[in-house]
Amino acid sequence: MTDGNTIAFFPEQAYGPALNSVGIAQECADLGHEPVFITDPSMEGLFEEYGFEECYIDMSDPDMSAE
């Protein structure tokens, strides 16, 4: 546990924004904070590769066929 804050990152579901967020999260971790990534399951493992915790939330479009 760190003395810093837990910072939630919620990047867009694309590699460019995701990797930009990783760079920012690395700097936050160096400052003593605990970055956590909230991400779609399709991005599973990307942030863990860099040592960050991942929490999953389904961000897919809802099934509109139930109308």
N, C-alpha and C. Protein backbone atom coordinates (compact mmCIF):
# COMPACT_ATOMS: atom_id res chain seq x y z
N MET A 1 0.84 -1.18 0.00
CA MET A 1 0.00 0.00 0.00
C MET A 1 0.89 1.24 0.00
N THR A 2 0.48 2.24 -0.76
CA THR A 2 1.27 3.46 -0.83
C THR A 2 0.65 4.54 0.05
N ASP A 3 1.40 5.59 0.30
CA ASP A 3 0.88 6.74 1.04
C ASP A 3 0.13 7.70 0.12
N GLY A 4 0.20 7.46 -1.19
CA GLY A 4 -0.45 8.33 -2.16
C GLY A 4 -1.91 7.96 -2.35
N ASN A 5 -2.47 8.51 -3.38
CA ASN A 5 -3.87 8.29 -3.72
C ASN A 5 -4.03 7.18 -4.74
N THR A 6 -5.20 6.58 -4.77
CA THR A 6 -5.55 5.66 -5.85
C THR A 6 -6.13 6.51 -6.97
N ILE A 7 -5.59 6.35 -8.16
CA ILE A 7 -6.03 7.14 -9.31
C ILE A 7 -6.62 6.18 -10.34
N ALA A 8 -7.87 6.41 -10.70
CA ALA A 8 -8.55 5.57 -11.69
C ALA A 8 -8.34 6.14 -13.08
N PHE A 9 -7.87 5.30 -13.98
CA PHE A 9 -7.72 5.65 -15.39
C PHE A 9 -8.82 4.92 -16.16
N PHE A 10 -9.48 5.65 -17.06
CA PHE A 10 -10.60 5.12 -17.82
C PHE A 10 -10.37 5.47 -19.28
N PRO A 11 -9.30 4.89 -19.89
CA PRO A 11 -8.95 5.29 -21.26
C PRO A 11 -9.94 4.75 -22.30
N GLU A 12 -9.96 5.44 -23.41
CA GLU A 12 -10.74 5.00 -24.56
C GLU A 12 -10.32 3.59 -24.95
N GLN A 13 -11.21 2.85 -25.55
CA GLN A 13 -10.95 1.46 -25.93
C GLN A 13 -10.17 1.41 -27.25
N ALA A 14 -8.95 1.94 -27.22
CA ALA A 14 -8.07 1.96 -28.39
C ALA A 14 -6.63 2.02 -27.86
N TYR A 15 -5.71 1.48 -28.63
CA TYR A 15 -4.33 1.36 -28.14
C TYR A 15 -3.64 2.71 -27.95
N GLY A 16 -3.89 3.69 -28.81
CA GLY A 16 -3.24 5.00 -28.66
C GLY A 16 -3.54 5.63 -27.31
N PRO A 17 -4.83 5.88 -27.01
CA PRO A 17 -5.16 6.47 -25.71
C PRO A 17 -4.76 5.58 -24.53
N ALA A 18 -4.86 4.27 -24.72
CA ALA A 18 -4.51 3.34 -23.64
C ALA A 18 -3.03 3.46 -23.30
N LEU A 19 -2.18 3.48 -24.30
CA LEU A 19 -0.74 3.55 -24.05
C LEU A 19 -0.32 4.93 -23.55
N ASN A 20 -1.01 5.99 -23.98
CA ASN A 20 -0.74 7.31 -23.41
C ASN A 20 -1.05 7.30 -21.92
N SER A 21 -2.15 6.65 -21.56
CA SER A 21 -2.54 6.56 -20.15
C SER A 21 -1.53 5.77 -19.34
N VAL A 22 -0.94 4.76 -19.95
CA VAL A 22 0.09 3.97 -19.26
C VAL A 22 1.28 4.87 -18.90
N GLY A 23 1.70 5.72 -19.82
CA GLY A 23 2.81 6.62 -19.54
C GLY A 23 2.50 7.56 -18.39
N ILE A 24 1.29 8.10 -18.37
CA ILE A 24 0.88 8.99 -17.28
C ILE A 24 0.80 8.21 -15.97
N ALA A 25 0.25 6.99 -16.04
CA ALA A 25 0.14 6.15 -14.84
C ALA A 25 1.51 5.79 -14.28
N GLN A 26 2.48 5.56 -15.13
CA GLN A 26 3.83 5.26 -14.67
C GLN A 26 4.40 6.44 -13.88
N GLU A 27 4.18 7.65 -14.37
CA GLU A 27 4.65 8.84 -13.65
C GLU A 27 3.93 8.98 -12.31
N CYS A 28 2.62 8.71 -12.31
CA CYS A 28 1.86 8.78 -11.05
C CYS A 28 2.39 7.76 -10.05
N ALA A 29 2.69 6.55 -10.52
CA ALA A 29 3.24 5.52 -9.64
C ALA A 29 4.59 5.94 -9.09
N ASP A 30 5.41 6.58 -9.93
CA ASP A 30 6.72 7.06 -9.46
C ASP A 30 6.57 8.13 -8.37
N LEU A 31 5.44 8.83 -8.37
CA LEU A 31 5.18 9.86 -7.36
C LEU A 31 4.52 9.28 -6.11
N GLY A 32 4.31 7.95 -6.09
CA GLY A 32 3.77 7.30 -4.91
C GLY A 32 2.28 7.01 -4.94
N HIS A 33 1.65 7.21 -6.09
CA HIS A 33 0.22 6.94 -6.20
C HIS A 33 -0.02 5.54 -6.73
N GLU A 34 -1.27 5.08 -6.65
CA GLU A 34 -1.62 3.73 -7.10
C GLU A 34 -2.60 3.83 -8.28
N PRO A 35 -2.11 3.74 -9.51
CA PRO A 35 -2.99 3.77 -10.67
C PRO A 35 -3.77 2.46 -10.82
N VAL A 36 -5.03 2.58 -11.19
CA VAL A 36 -5.91 1.44 -11.47
C VAL A 36 -6.61 1.73 -12.79
N PHE A 37 -6.66 0.74 -13.66
CA PHE A 37 -7.30 0.94 -14.97
C PHE A 37 -8.67 0.30 -15.00
N ILE A 38 -9.66 1.09 -15.37
CA ILE A 38 -11.01 0.61 -15.59
C ILE A 38 -11.12 0.45 -17.10
N THR A 39 -11.37 -0.77 -17.56
CA THR A 39 -11.28 -1.04 -18.98
C THR A 39 -12.28 -2.10 -19.44
N ASP A 40 -12.53 -2.11 -20.71
CA ASP A 40 -13.38 -3.13 -21.32
C ASP A 40 -12.62 -4.47 -21.30
N PRO A 41 -13.33 -5.58 -21.14
CA PRO A 41 -12.66 -6.89 -21.13
C PRO A 41 -11.84 -7.17 -22.40
N SER A 42 -12.17 -6.51 -23.50
CA SER A 42 -11.40 -6.73 -24.73
C SER A 42 -9.97 -6.22 -24.63
N MET A 43 -9.69 -5.37 -23.64
CA MET A 43 -8.34 -4.84 -23.43
C MET A 43 -7.63 -5.59 -22.30
N GLU A 44 -8.19 -6.72 -21.88
CA GLU A 44 -7.65 -7.48 -20.75
C GLU A 44 -6.17 -7.80 -20.93
N GLY A 45 -5.39 -7.53 -19.89
CA GLY A 45 -3.98 -7.87 -19.88
C GLY A 45 -3.06 -6.75 -20.33
N LEU A 46 -3.58 -5.78 -21.08
CA LEU A 46 -2.73 -4.71 -21.59
C LEU A 46 -2.07 -3.93 -20.45
N PHE A 47 -2.85 -3.53 -19.48
CA PHE A 47 -2.33 -2.72 -18.39
C PHE A 47 -1.60 -3.56 -17.35
N GLU A 48 -2.02 -4.81 -17.20
CA GLU A 48 -1.31 -5.72 -16.29
C GLU A 48 0.11 -5.96 -16.76
N GLU A 49 0.34 -5.92 -18.08
CA GLU A 49 1.70 -6.06 -18.63
C GLU A 49 2.64 -5.02 -18.04
N TYR A 50 2.09 -3.87 -17.70
CA TYR A 50 2.89 -2.77 -17.15
C TYR A 50 2.83 -2.73 -15.62
N GLY A 51 2.18 -3.74 -15.03
CA GLY A 51 2.15 -3.84 -13.57
C GLY A 51 0.98 -3.15 -12.90
N PHE A 52 -0.04 -2.79 -13.66
CA PHE A 52 -1.18 -2.08 -13.09
C PHE A 52 -2.38 -2.99 -12.91
N GLU A 53 -3.16 -2.70 -11.88
CA GLU A 53 -4.40 -3.44 -11.63
C GLU A 53 -5.44 -3.05 -12.69
N GLU A 54 -6.21 -4.04 -13.11
CA GLU A 54 -7.29 -3.81 -14.08
C GLU A 54 -8.63 -4.16 -13.43
N CYS A 55 -9.63 -3.33 -13.69
CA CYS A 55 -11.02 -3.61 -13.30
C CYS A 55 -11.83 -3.54 -14.59
N TYR A 56 -12.70 -4.50 -14.79
CA TYR A 56 -13.40 -4.61 -16.07
C TYR A 56 -14.83 -4.13 -15.99
N ILE A 57 -15.23 -3.44 -17.04
CA ILE A 57 -16.61 -3.00 -17.20
C ILE A 57 -16.94 -3.14 -18.69
N ASP A 58 -18.08 -3.74 -18.99
CA ASP A 58 -18.47 -3.97 -20.38
C ASP A 58 -18.90 -2.65 -21.00
N MET A 59 -18.12 -2.17 -21.95
CA MET A 59 -18.43 -0.91 -22.62
C MET A 59 -18.96 -1.12 -24.03
N SER A 60 -19.36 -2.33 -24.36
CA SER A 60 -19.88 -2.63 -25.68
C SER A 60 -21.25 -2.00 -25.84
N ASP A 61 -21.64 -1.79 -27.10
CA ASP A 61 -22.98 -1.27 -27.37
C ASP A 61 -24.02 -2.26 -26.89
N PRO A 62 -25.09 -1.75 -26.30
CA PRO A 62 -26.14 -2.67 -25.84
C PRO A 62 -26.84 -3.31 -27.04
N ASP A 63 -27.42 -4.47 -26.81
CA ASP A 63 -28.14 -5.17 -27.87
C ASP A 63 -29.48 -4.45 -28.09
N MET A 64 -29.61 -3.81 -29.20
CA MET A 64 -30.81 -3.02 -29.50
C MET A 64 -31.92 -3.89 -30.11
N SER A 65 -31.70 -5.19 -30.29
CA SER A 65 -32.71 -6.03 -30.92
C SER A 65 -33.87 -6.36 -29.98
N ALA A 66 -33.79 -5.96 -28.72
CA ALA A 66 -34.85 -6.27 -27.75
C ALA A 66 -35.99 -5.26 -27.80
N GLU A 67 -35.94 -4.31 -28.71
CA GLU A 67 -36.98 -3.27 -28.81
C GLU A 67 -38.29 -3.81 -29.24
